[in-house]
PDB file of all heavy atoms in Angstrom:
ATOM      1  N   LEU A   1     -47.226  11.639 -50.397  1.00  0.00           N
ATOM      2  CA  LEU A   1     -46.218  12.172 -49.467  1.00  0.00           C
ATOM      3  C   LEU A   1     -46.317  11.393 -48.159  1.00  0.00           C
ATOM      4  O   LEU A   1     -47.189  11.648 -47.332  1.00  0.00           O
ATOM      5  CB  LEU A   1     -46.417  13.676 -49.247  1.00  0.00           C
ATOM      6  CG  LEU A   1     -46.183  14.549 -50.476  1.00  0.00           C
ATOM      7  CD1 LEU A   1     -46.503  16.006 -50.166  1.00  0.00           C
ATOM      8  CD2 LEU A   1     -44.758  14.397 -50.996  1.00  0.00           C
ATOM      9  N   ASN A   2     -45.426  10.458 -47.996  1.00  0.00           N
ATOM     10  CA  ASN A   2     -45.421   9.528 -46.870  1.00  0.00           C
ATOM     11  C   ASN A   2     -45.124  10.267 -45.557  1.00  0.00           C
ATOM     12  O   ASN A   2     -44.059  10.870 -45.420  1.00  0.00           O
ATOM     13  CB  ASN A   2     -44.370   8.447 -47.124  1.00  0.00           C
ATOM     14  CG  ASN A   2     -44.382   7.356 -46.087  1.00  0.00           C
ATOM     15  OD1 ASN A   2     -44.772   7.549 -44.949  1.00  0.00           O
ATOM     16  ND2 ASN A   2     -43.932   6.182 -46.492  1.00  0.00           N
ATOM     17  N   PRO A   3     -46.039  10.208 -44.584  1.00  0.00           N
ATOM     18  CA  PRO A   3     -45.827  10.917 -43.313  1.00  0.00           C
ATOM     19  C   PRO A   3     -44.707  10.329 -42.458  1.00  0.00           C
ATOM     20  O   PRO A   3     -44.354  10.905 -41.431  1.00  0.00           O
ATOM     21  CB  PRO A   3     -47.183  10.804 -42.608  1.00  0.00           C
ATOM     22  CG  PRO A   3     -47.845   9.630 -43.220  1.00  0.00           C
ATOM     23  CD  PRO A   3     -47.334   9.527 -44.628  1.00  0.00           C
ATOM     24  N   ASP A   4     -44.131   9.207 -42.880  1.00  0.00           N
ATOM     25  CA  ASP A   4     -43.020   8.601 -42.140  1.00  0.00           C
ATOM     26  C   ASP A   4     -41.651   8.960 -42.719  1.00  0.00           C
ATOM     27  O   ASP A   4     -40.628   8.566 -42.161  1.00  0.00           O
ATOM     28  CB  ASP A   4     -43.169   7.074 -42.114  1.00  0.00           C
ATOM     29  CG  ASP A   4     -44.411   6.636 -41.350  1.00  0.00           C
ATOM     30  OD1 ASP A   4     -44.786   7.323 -40.385  1.00  0.00           O
ATOM     31  OD2 ASP A   4     -45.014   5.622 -41.753  1.00  0.00           O
ATOM     32  N   GLU A   5     -41.611   9.672 -43.841  1.00  0.00           N
ATOM     33  CA  GLU A   5     -40.345  10.064 -44.461  1.00  0.00           C
ATOM     34  C   GLU A   5     -40.070  11.535 -44.157  1.00  0.00           C
ATOM     35  O   GLU A   5     -40.889  12.399 -44.470  1.00  0.00           O
ATOM     36  CB  GLU A   5     -40.397   9.843 -45.969  1.00  0.00           C
ATOM     37  CG  GLU A   5     -40.462   8.376 -46.359  1.00  0.00           C
ATOM     38  CD  GLU A   5     -40.361   8.178 -47.860  1.00  0.00           C
ATOM     39  OE1 GLU A   5     -39.733   9.014 -48.537  1.00  0.00           O
ATOM     40  OE2 GLU A   5     -40.920   7.184 -48.339  1.00  0.00           O
ATOM     41  N   PRO A   6     -38.924  11.851 -43.556  1.00  0.00           N
ATOM     42  CA  PRO A   6     -38.615  13.230 -43.161  1.00  0.00           C
ATOM     43  C   PRO A   6     -38.743  14.265 -44.290  1.00  0.00           C
ATOM     44  O   PRO A   6     -39.269  15.355 -44.060  1.00  0.00           O
ATOM     45  CB  PRO A   6     -37.187  13.142 -42.643  1.00  0.00           C
ATOM     46  CG  PRO A   6     -37.039  11.732 -42.177  1.00  0.00           C
ATOM     47  CD  PRO A   6     -37.873  10.911 -43.132  1.00  0.00           C
ATOM     48  N   VAL A   7     -38.281  13.933 -45.488  1.00  0.00           N
ATOM     49  CA  VAL A   7     -38.401  14.887 -46.595  1.00  0.00           C
ATOM     50  C   VAL A   7     -39.873  15.134 -46.911  1.00  0.00           C
ATOM     51  O   VAL A   7     -40.284  16.282 -47.121  1.00  0.00           O
ATOM     52  CB  VAL A   7     -37.644  14.385 -47.847  1.00  0.00           C
ATOM     53  CG1 VAL A   7     -37.981  15.230 -49.060  1.00  0.00           C
ATOM     54  CG2 VAL A   7     -36.141  14.390 -47.593  1.00  0.00           C
ATOM     55  N   HIS A   8     -40.662  14.076 -46.905  1.00  0.00           N
ATOM     56  CA  HIS A   8     -42.087  14.228 -47.193  1.00  0.00           C
ATOM     57  C   HIS A   8     -42.803  15.010 -46.090  1.00  0.00           C
ATOM     58  O   HIS A   8     -43.730  15.769 -46.377  1.00  0.00           O
ATOM     59  CB  HIS A   8     -42.743  12.866 -47.400  1.00  0.00           C
ATOM     60  CG  HIS A   8     -42.332  12.199 -48.681  1.00  0.00           C
ATOM     61  ND1 HIS A   8     -42.919  11.041 -49.119  1.00  0.00           N
ATOM     62  CD2 HIS A   8     -41.395  12.523 -49.608  1.00  0.00           C
ATOM     63  CE1 HIS A   8     -42.370  10.682 -50.278  1.00  0.00           C
ATOM     64  NE2 HIS A   8     -41.431  11.568 -50.586  1.00  0.00           N
ATOM     65  N   VAL A   9     -42.374  14.844 -44.850  1.00  0.00           N
ATOM     66  CA  VAL A   9     -42.955  15.610 -43.743  1.00  0.00           C
ATOM     67  C   VAL A   9     -42.718  17.104 -43.987  1.00  0.00           C
ATOM     68  O   VAL A   9     -43.629  17.929 -43.829  1.00  0.00           O
ATOM     69  CB  VAL A   9     -42.368  15.162 -42.388  1.00  0.00           C
ATOM     70  CG1 VAL A   9     -42.772  16.123 -41.274  1.00  0.00           C
ATOM     71  CG2 VAL A   9     -42.821  13.746 -42.061  1.00  0.00           C
ATOM     72  N   ALA A  10     -41.504  17.450 -44.394  1.00  0.00           N
ATOM     73  CA  ALA A  10     -41.187  18.860 -44.679  1.00  0.00           C
ATOM     74  C   ALA A  10     -42.018  19.372 -45.853  1.00  0.00           C
ATOM     75  O   ALA A  10     -42.495  20.510 -45.830  1.00  0.00           O
ATOM     76  CB  ALA A  10     -39.695  19.009 -44.959  1.00  0.00           C
ATOM     77  N   LEU A  11     -42.226  18.543 -46.862  1.00  0.00           N
ATOM     78  CA  LEU A  11     -43.046  18.952 -48.004  1.00  0.00           C
ATOM     79  C   LEU A  11     -44.513  19.095 -47.606  1.00  0.00           C
ATOM     80  O   LEU A  11     -45.205  20.001 -48.070  1.00  0.00           O
ATOM     81  CB  LEU A  11     -42.895  17.954 -49.152  1.00  0.00           C
ATOM     82  CG  LEU A  11     -41.519  17.948 -49.819  1.00  0.00           C
ATOM     83  CD1 LEU A  11     -41.404  16.802 -50.799  1.00  0.00           C
ATOM     84  CD2 LEU A  11     -41.236  19.285 -50.495  1.00  0.00           C
ATOM     85  N   ARG A  12     -45.001  18.221 -46.727  1.00  0.00           N
ATOM     86  CA  ARG A  12     -46.384  18.326 -46.248  1.00  0.00           C
ATOM     87  C   ARG A  12     -46.622  19.667 -45.546  1.00  0.00           C
ATOM     88  O   ARG A  12     -47.722  20.213 -45.613  1.00  0.00           O
ATOM     89  CB  ARG A  12     -46.704  17.180 -45.287  1.00  0.00           C
ATOM     90  CG  ARG A  12     -46.945  15.855 -45.975  1.00  0.00           C
ATOM     91  CD  ARG A  12     -47.076  14.720 -44.942  1.00  0.00           C
ATOM     92  NE  ARG A  12     -47.694  13.563 -45.541  1.00  0.00           N
ATOM     93  CZ  ARG A  12     -49.002  13.326 -45.569  1.00  0.00           C
ATOM     94  NH1 ARG A  12     -49.836  14.137 -44.994  1.00  0.00           N
ATOM     95  NH2 ARG A  12     -49.467  12.257 -46.160  1.00  0.00           N
ATOM     96  N   ARG A  13     -45.598  20.202 -44.898  1.00  0.00           N
ATOM     97  CA  ARG A  13     -45.737  21.508 -44.233  1.00  0.00           C
ATOM     98  C   ARG A  13     -45.964  22.631 -45.243  1.00  0.00           C
ATOM     99  O   ARG A  13     -46.478  23.690 -44.899  1.00  0.00           O
ATOM    100  CB  ARG A  13     -44.493  21.813 -43.400  1.00  0.00           C
ATOM    101  CG  ARG A  13     -44.409  21.011 -42.136  1.00  0.00           C
ATOM    102  CD  ARG A  13     -43.274  21.508 -41.230  1.00  0.00           C
ATOM    103  NE  ARG A  13     -42.850  20.432 -40.385  1.00  0.00           N
ATOM    104  CZ  ARG A  13     -41.656  19.838 -40.411  1.00  0.00           C
ATOM    105  NH1 ARG A  13     -40.726  20.263 -41.223  1.00  0.00           N
ATOM    106  NH2 ARG A  13     -41.383  18.833 -39.601  1.00  0.00           N
ATOM    107  N   GLN A  14     -45.559  22.427 -46.479  1.00  0.00           N
ATOM    108  CA  GLN A  14     -45.733  23.443 -47.521  1.00  0.00           C
ATOM    109  C   GLN A  14     -47.142  23.427 -48.118  1.00  0.00           C
ATOM    110  O   GLN A  14     -47.597  24.428 -48.663  1.00  0.00           O
ATOM    111  CB  GLN A  14     -44.711  23.220 -48.636  1.00  0.00           C
ATOM    112  CG  GLN A  14     -43.284  23.401 -48.198  1.00  0.00           C
ATOM    113  CD  GLN A  14     -42.291  23.087 -49.305  1.00  0.00           C
ATOM    114  OE1 GLN A  14     -42.658  22.923 -50.469  1.00  0.00           O
ATOM    115  NE2 GLN A  14     -41.023  23.008 -48.943  1.00  0.00           N
ATOM    116  N   VAL A  15     -47.816  22.304 -48.027  1.00  0.00           N
ATOM    117  CA  VAL A  15     -49.103  22.131 -48.708  1.00  0.00           C
ATOM    118  C   VAL A  15     -50.143  23.193 -48.331  1.00  0.00           C
ATOM    119  O   VAL A  15     -50.840  23.696 -49.211  1.00  0.00           O
ATOM    120  CB  VAL A  15     -49.636  20.694 -48.512  1.00  0.00           C
ATOM    121  CG1 VAL A  15     -51.060  20.551 -49.022  1.00  0.00           C
ATOM    122  CG2 VAL A  15     -48.715  19.691 -49.203  1.00  0.00           C
ATOM    123  N   PRO A  16     -50.271  23.601 -47.057  1.00  0.00           N
ATOM    124  CA  PRO A  16     -51.281  24.623 -46.753  1.00  0.00           C
ATOM    125  C   PRO A  16     -51.053  25.958 -47.478  1.00  0.00           C
ATOM    126  O   PRO A  16     -51.995  26.725 -47.659  1.00  0.00           O
ATOM    127  CB  PRO A  16     -51.166  24.797 -45.233  1.00  0.00           C
ATOM    128  CG  PRO A  16     -50.632  23.497 -44.754  1.00  0.00           C
ATOM    129  CD  PRO A  16     -49.686  23.043 -45.828  1.00  0.00           C
ATOM    130  N   GLN A  17     -49.821  26.219 -47.906  1.00  0.00           N
ATOM    131  CA  GLN A  17     -49.511  27.467 -48.610  1.00  0.00           C
ATOM    132  C   GLN A  17     -49.547  27.310 -50.131  1.00  0.00           C
ATOM    133  O   GLN A  17     -49.344  28.276 -50.863  1.00  0.00           O
ATOM    134  CB  GLN A  17     -48.120  27.963 -48.195  1.00  0.00           C
ATOM    135  CG  GLN A  17     -47.961  28.192 -46.718  1.00  0.00           C
ATOM    136  CD  GLN A  17     -48.940  29.216 -46.199  1.00  0.00           C
ATOM    137  OE1 GLN A  17     -49.147  30.263 -46.821  1.00  0.00           O
ATOM    138  NE2 GLN A  17     -49.561  28.939 -45.075  1.00  0.00           N
ATOM    139  N   LEU A  18     -49.800  26.109 -50.599  1.00  0.00           N
ATOM    140  CA  LEU A  18     -49.725  25.772 -52.019  1.00  0.00           C
ATOM    141  C   LEU A  18     -50.955  26.241 -52.777  1.00  0.00           C
ATOM    142  O   LEU A  18     -52.071  26.139 -52.270  1.00  0.00           O
ATOM    143  CB  LEU A  18     -49.607  24.256 -52.122  1.00  0.00           C
ATOM    144  CG  LEU A  18     -48.864  23.652 -53.299  1.00  0.00           C
ATOM    145  CD1 LEU A  18     -47.449  24.171 -53.388  1.00  0.00           C
ATOM    146  CD2 LEU A  18     -48.847  22.142 -53.139  1.00  0.00           C
ATOM    147  N   ARG A  19     -50.734  26.732 -53.974  1.00  0.00           N
ATOM    148  CA  ARG A  19     -51.816  27.108 -54.894  1.00  0.00           C
ATOM    149  C   ARG A  19     -51.508  26.472 -56.241  1.00  0.00           C
ATOM    150  O   ARG A  19     -50.346  26.333 -56.620  1.00  0.00           O
ATOM    151  CB  ARG A  19     -51.896  28.623 -55.087  1.00  0.00           C
ATOM    152  CG  ARG A  19     -52.066  29.417 -53.797  1.00  0.00           C
ATOM    153  CD  ARG A  19     -53.450  29.216 -53.199  1.00  0.00           C
ATOM    154  NE  ARG A  19     -53.595  29.917 -51.945  1.00  0.00           N
ATOM    155  CZ  ARG A  19     -53.394  29.378 -50.737  1.00  0.00           C
ATOM    156  NH1 ARG A  19     -53.003  28.143 -50.620  1.00  0.00           N
ATOM    157  NH2 ARG A  19     -53.567  30.056 -49.627  1.00  0.00           N
ATOM    158  N   VAL A  20     -52.542  26.112 -56.976  1.00  0.00           N
ATOM    159  CA  VAL A  20     -52.349  25.603 -58.330  1.00  0.00           C
ATOM    160  C   VAL A  20     -52.233  26.798 -59.262  1.00  0.00           C
ATOM    161  O   VAL A  20     -53.129  27.629 -59.347  1.00  0.00           O
ATOM    162  CB  VAL A  20     -53.515  24.683 -58.758  1.00  0.00           C
ATOM    163  CG1 VAL A  20     -53.395  24.322 -60.233  1.00  0.00           C
ATOM    164  CG2 VAL A  20     -53.521  23.420 -57.911  1.00  0.00           C
ATOM    165  N   GLN A  21     -51.086  26.868 -59.920  1.00  0.00           N
ATOM    166  CA  GLN A  21     -50.833  27.948 -60.881  1.00  0.00           C
ATOM    167  C   GLN A  21     -51.487  27.626 -62.222  1.00  0.00           C
ATOM    168  O   GLN A  21     -52.092  28.482 -62.845  1.00  0.00           O
ATOM    169  CB  GLN A  21     -49.333  28.141 -61.054  1.00  0.00           C
ATOM    170  CG  GLN A  21     -48.945  29.218 -62.021  1.00  0.00           C
ATOM    171  CD  GLN A  21     -47.453  29.282 -62.201  1.00  0.00           C
ATOM    172  OE1 GLN A  21     -46.772  28.264 -62.204  1.00  0.00           O
ATOM    173  NE2 GLN A  21     -46.933  30.490 -62.340  1.00  0.00           N
ATOM    174  N   SER A  22     -51.331  26.359 -62.651  1.00  0.00           N
ATOM    175  CA  SER A  22     -51.941  25.925 -63.906  1.00  0.00           C
ATOM    176  C   SER A  22     -52.049  24.410 -63.927  1.00  0.00           C
ATOM    177  O   SER A  22     -51.402  23.722 -63.133  1.00  0.00           O
ATOM    178  CB  SER A  22     -51.117  26.410 -65.111  1.00  0.00           C
ATOM    179  OG  SER A  22     -49.827  25.821 -65.099  1.00  0.00           O
ATOM    180  N   ARG A  23     -52.892  23.925 -64.824  1.00  0.00           N
ATOM    181  CA  ARG A  23     -53.078  22.484 -65.014  1.00  0.00           C
ATOM    182  C   ARG A  23     -53.096  22.195 -66.504  1.00  0.00           C
ATOM    183  O   ARG A  23     -53.480  23.053 -67.299  1.00  0.00           O
ATOM    184  CB  ARG A  23     -54.398  22.020 -64.397  1.00  0.00           C
ATOM    185  CG  ARG A  23     -54.401  22.087 -62.885  1.00  0.00           C
ATOM    186  CD  ARG A  23     -55.717  21.644 -62.319  1.00  0.00           C
ATOM    187  NE  ARG A  23     -55.665  20.207 -62.061  1.00  0.00           N
ATOM    188  CZ  ARG A  23     -56.487  19.590 -61.233  1.00  0.00           C
ATOM    189  NH1 ARG A  23     -57.437  20.255 -60.596  1.00  0.00           N
ATOM    190  NH2 ARG A  23     -56.389  18.294 -61.027  1.00  0.00           N
ATOM    191  N   TYR A  24     -52.700  20.983 -66.866  1.00  0.00           N
ATOM    192  CA  TYR A  24     -52.783  20.579 -68.267  1.00  0.00           C
ATOM    193  C   TYR A  24     -54.243  20.605 -68.698  1.00  0.00           C
ATOM    194  O   TYR A  24     -55.129  20.193 -67.950  1.00  0.00           O
ATOM    195  CB  TYR A  24     -52.241  19.177 -68.458  1.00  0.00           C
ATOM    196  CG  TYR A  24     -50.739  19.072 -68.562  1.00  0.00           C
ATOM    197  CD1 TYR A  24     -49.899  20.155 -68.407  1.00  0.00           C
ATOM    198  CD2 TYR A  24     -50.156  17.846 -68.826  1.00  0.00           C
ATOM    199  CE1 TYR A  24     -48.525  20.023 -68.495  1.00  0.00           C
ATOM    200  CE2 TYR A  24     -48.781  17.697 -68.928  1.00  0.00           C
ATOM    201  CZ  TYR A  24     -47.978  18.790 -68.763  1.00  0.00           C
ATOM    202  OH  TYR A  24     -46.623  18.651 -68.861  1.00  0.00           O
ATOM    203  N   GLU A  25     -54.495  21.047 -69.897  1.00  0.00           N
ATOM    204  CA  GLU A  25     -55.864  21.116 -70.403  1.00  0.00           C
ATOM    205  C   GLU A  25     -56.397  19.766 -70.861  1.00  0.00           C
ATOM    206  O   GLU A  25     -57.588  19.609 -71.075  1.00  0.00           O
ATOM    207  CB  GLU A  25     -55.943  22.130 -71.533  1.00  0.00           C
ATOM    208  CG  GLU A  25     -55.731  23.550 -71.040  1.00  0.00           C
ATOM    209  CD  GLU A  25     -55.893  24.585 -72.123  1.00  0.00           C
ATOM    210  OE1 GLU A  25     -56.488  24.275 -73.171  1.00  0.00           O
ATOM    211  OE2 GLU A  25     -55.430  25.709 -71.916  1.00  0.00           O
ATOM    212  N   CYS A  26     -55.527  18.759 -70.980  1.00  0.00           N
ATOM    213  CA  CYS A  26     -55.969  17.436 -71.445  1.00  0.00           C
ATOM    214  C   CYS A  26     -56.787  16.708 -70.389  1.00  0.00           C
ATOM    215  O   CYS A  26     -57.424  15.706 -70.679  1.00  0.00           O
ATOM    216  CB  CYS A  26     -54.763  16.580 -71.828  1.00  0.00           C
ATOM    217  SG  CYS A  26     -53.703  16.137 -70.433  1.00  0.00           S
ATOM    218  N   GLY A  27     -56.777  17.193 -69.154  1.00  0.00           N
ATOM    219  CA  GLY A  27     -57.562  16.571 -68.099  1.00  0.00           C
ATOM    220  C   GLY A  27     -56.822  15.519 -67.305  1.00  0.00           C
ATOM    221  O   GLY A  27     -57.397  14.903 -66.413  1.00  0.00           O
ATOM    222  N   CYS A  28     -55.537  15.296 -67.599  1.00  0.00           N
ATOM    223  CA  CYS A  28     -54.799  14.245 -66.894  1.00  0.00           C
ATOM    224  C   CYS A  28     -54.622  14.558 -65.411  1.00  0.00           C
ATOM    225  O   CYS A  28     -54.450  13.660 -64.606  1.00  0.00           O
ATOM    226  CB  CYS A  28     -53.432  14.016 -67.541  1.00  0.00           C
ATOM    227  SG  CYS A  28     -52.270  15.383 -67.318  1.00  0.00           S
ATOM    228  N   GLY A  29     -54.632  15.823 -65.058  1.00  0.00           N
ATOM    229  CA  GLY A  29     -54.500  16.194 -63.656  1.00  0.00           C
ATOM    230  C   GLY A  29     -53.164  16.787 -63.297  1.00  0.00           C
ATOM    231  O   GLY A  29     -52.978  17.250 -62.181  1.00  0.00           O
ATOM    232  N   THR A  30     -52.204  16.758 -64.218  1.00  0.00           N
ATOM    233  CA  THR A  30     -50.909  17.364 -63.932  1.00  0.00           C
ATOM    234  C   THR A  30     -51.126  18.820 -63.536  1.00  0.00           C
ATOM    235  O   THR A  30     -51.875  19.543 -64.185  1.00  0.00           O
ATOM    236  CB  THR A  30     -49.972  17.245 -65.150  1.00  0.00           C
ATOM    237  OG1 THR A  30     -49.687  15.855 -65.361  1.00  0.00           O
ATOM    238  CG2 THR A  30     -48.675  18.000 -64.944  1.00  0.00           C
ATOM    239  N   ALA A  31     -50.499  19.226 -62.425  1.00  0.00           N
ATOM    240  CA  ALA A  31     -50.712  20.577 -61.891  1.00  0.00           C
ATOM    241  C   ALA A  31     -49.375  21.215 -61.527  1.00  0.00           C
ATOM    242  O   ALA A  31     -48.494  20.562 -60.966  1.00  0.00           O
ATOM    243  CB  ALA A  31     -51.605  20.511 -60.657  1.00  0.00           C
ATOM    244  N   TYR A  32     -49.238  22.489 -61.863  1.00  0.00           N
ATOM    245  CA  TYR A  32     -48.068  23.276 -61.498  1.00  0.00           C
ATOM    246  C   TYR A  32     -48.435  24.177 -60.341  1.00  0.00           C
ATOM    247  O   TYR A  32     -49.516  24.767 -60.326  1.00  0.00           O
ATOM    248  CB  TYR A  32     -47.586  24.099 -62.703  1.00  0.00           C
ATOM    249  CG  TYR A  32     -47.044  23.213 -63.786  1.00  0.00           C
ATOM    250  CD1 TYR A  32     -47.877  22.726 -64.793  1.00  0.00           C
ATOM    251  CD2 TYR A  32     -45.716  22.828 -63.786  1.00  0.00           C
ATOM    252  CE1 TYR A  32     -47.394  21.883 -65.772  1.00  0.00           C
ATOM    253  CE2 TYR A  32     -45.217  21.981 -64.769  1.00  0.00           C
ATOM    254  CZ  TYR A  32     -46.066  21.519 -65.756  1.00  0.00           C
ATOM    255  OH  TYR A  32     -45.584  20.678 -66.712  1.00  0.00           O
ATOM    256  N   PHE A  33     -47.529  24.268 -59.366  1.00  0.00           N
ATOM    257  CA  PHE A  33     -47.823  24.967 -58.124  1.00  0.00           C
ATOM    258  C   PHE A  33     -47.104  26.301 -58.018  1.00  0.00           C
ATOM    259  O   PHE A  33     -46.087  26.541 -58.671  1.00  0.00           O
ATOM    260  CB  PHE A  33     -47.394  24.118 -56.922  1.00  0.00           C
ATOM    261  CG  PHE A  33     -48.014  22.751 -56.882  1.00  0.00           C
ATOM    262  CD1 PHE A  33     -47.229  21.637 -56.685  1.00  0.00           C
ATOM    263  CD2 PHE A  33     -49.380  22.582 -57.032  1.00  0.00           C
ATOM    264  CE1 PHE A  33     -47.789  20.369 -56.629  1.00  0.00           C
ATOM    265  CE2 PHE A  33     -49.951  21.321 -56.982  1.00  0.00           C
ATOM    266  CZ  PHE A  33     -49.156  20.208 -56.782  1.00  0.00           C
TER     267      PHE A  33
END
């Protein structure tokens, strides 16, 4: 999330409220929020 892109700045503001709901069990790291 590039801090110089306005859309990414708005998304970065959401990160402190983000929780991982689930992750793929294969270990790839894909995560649902």
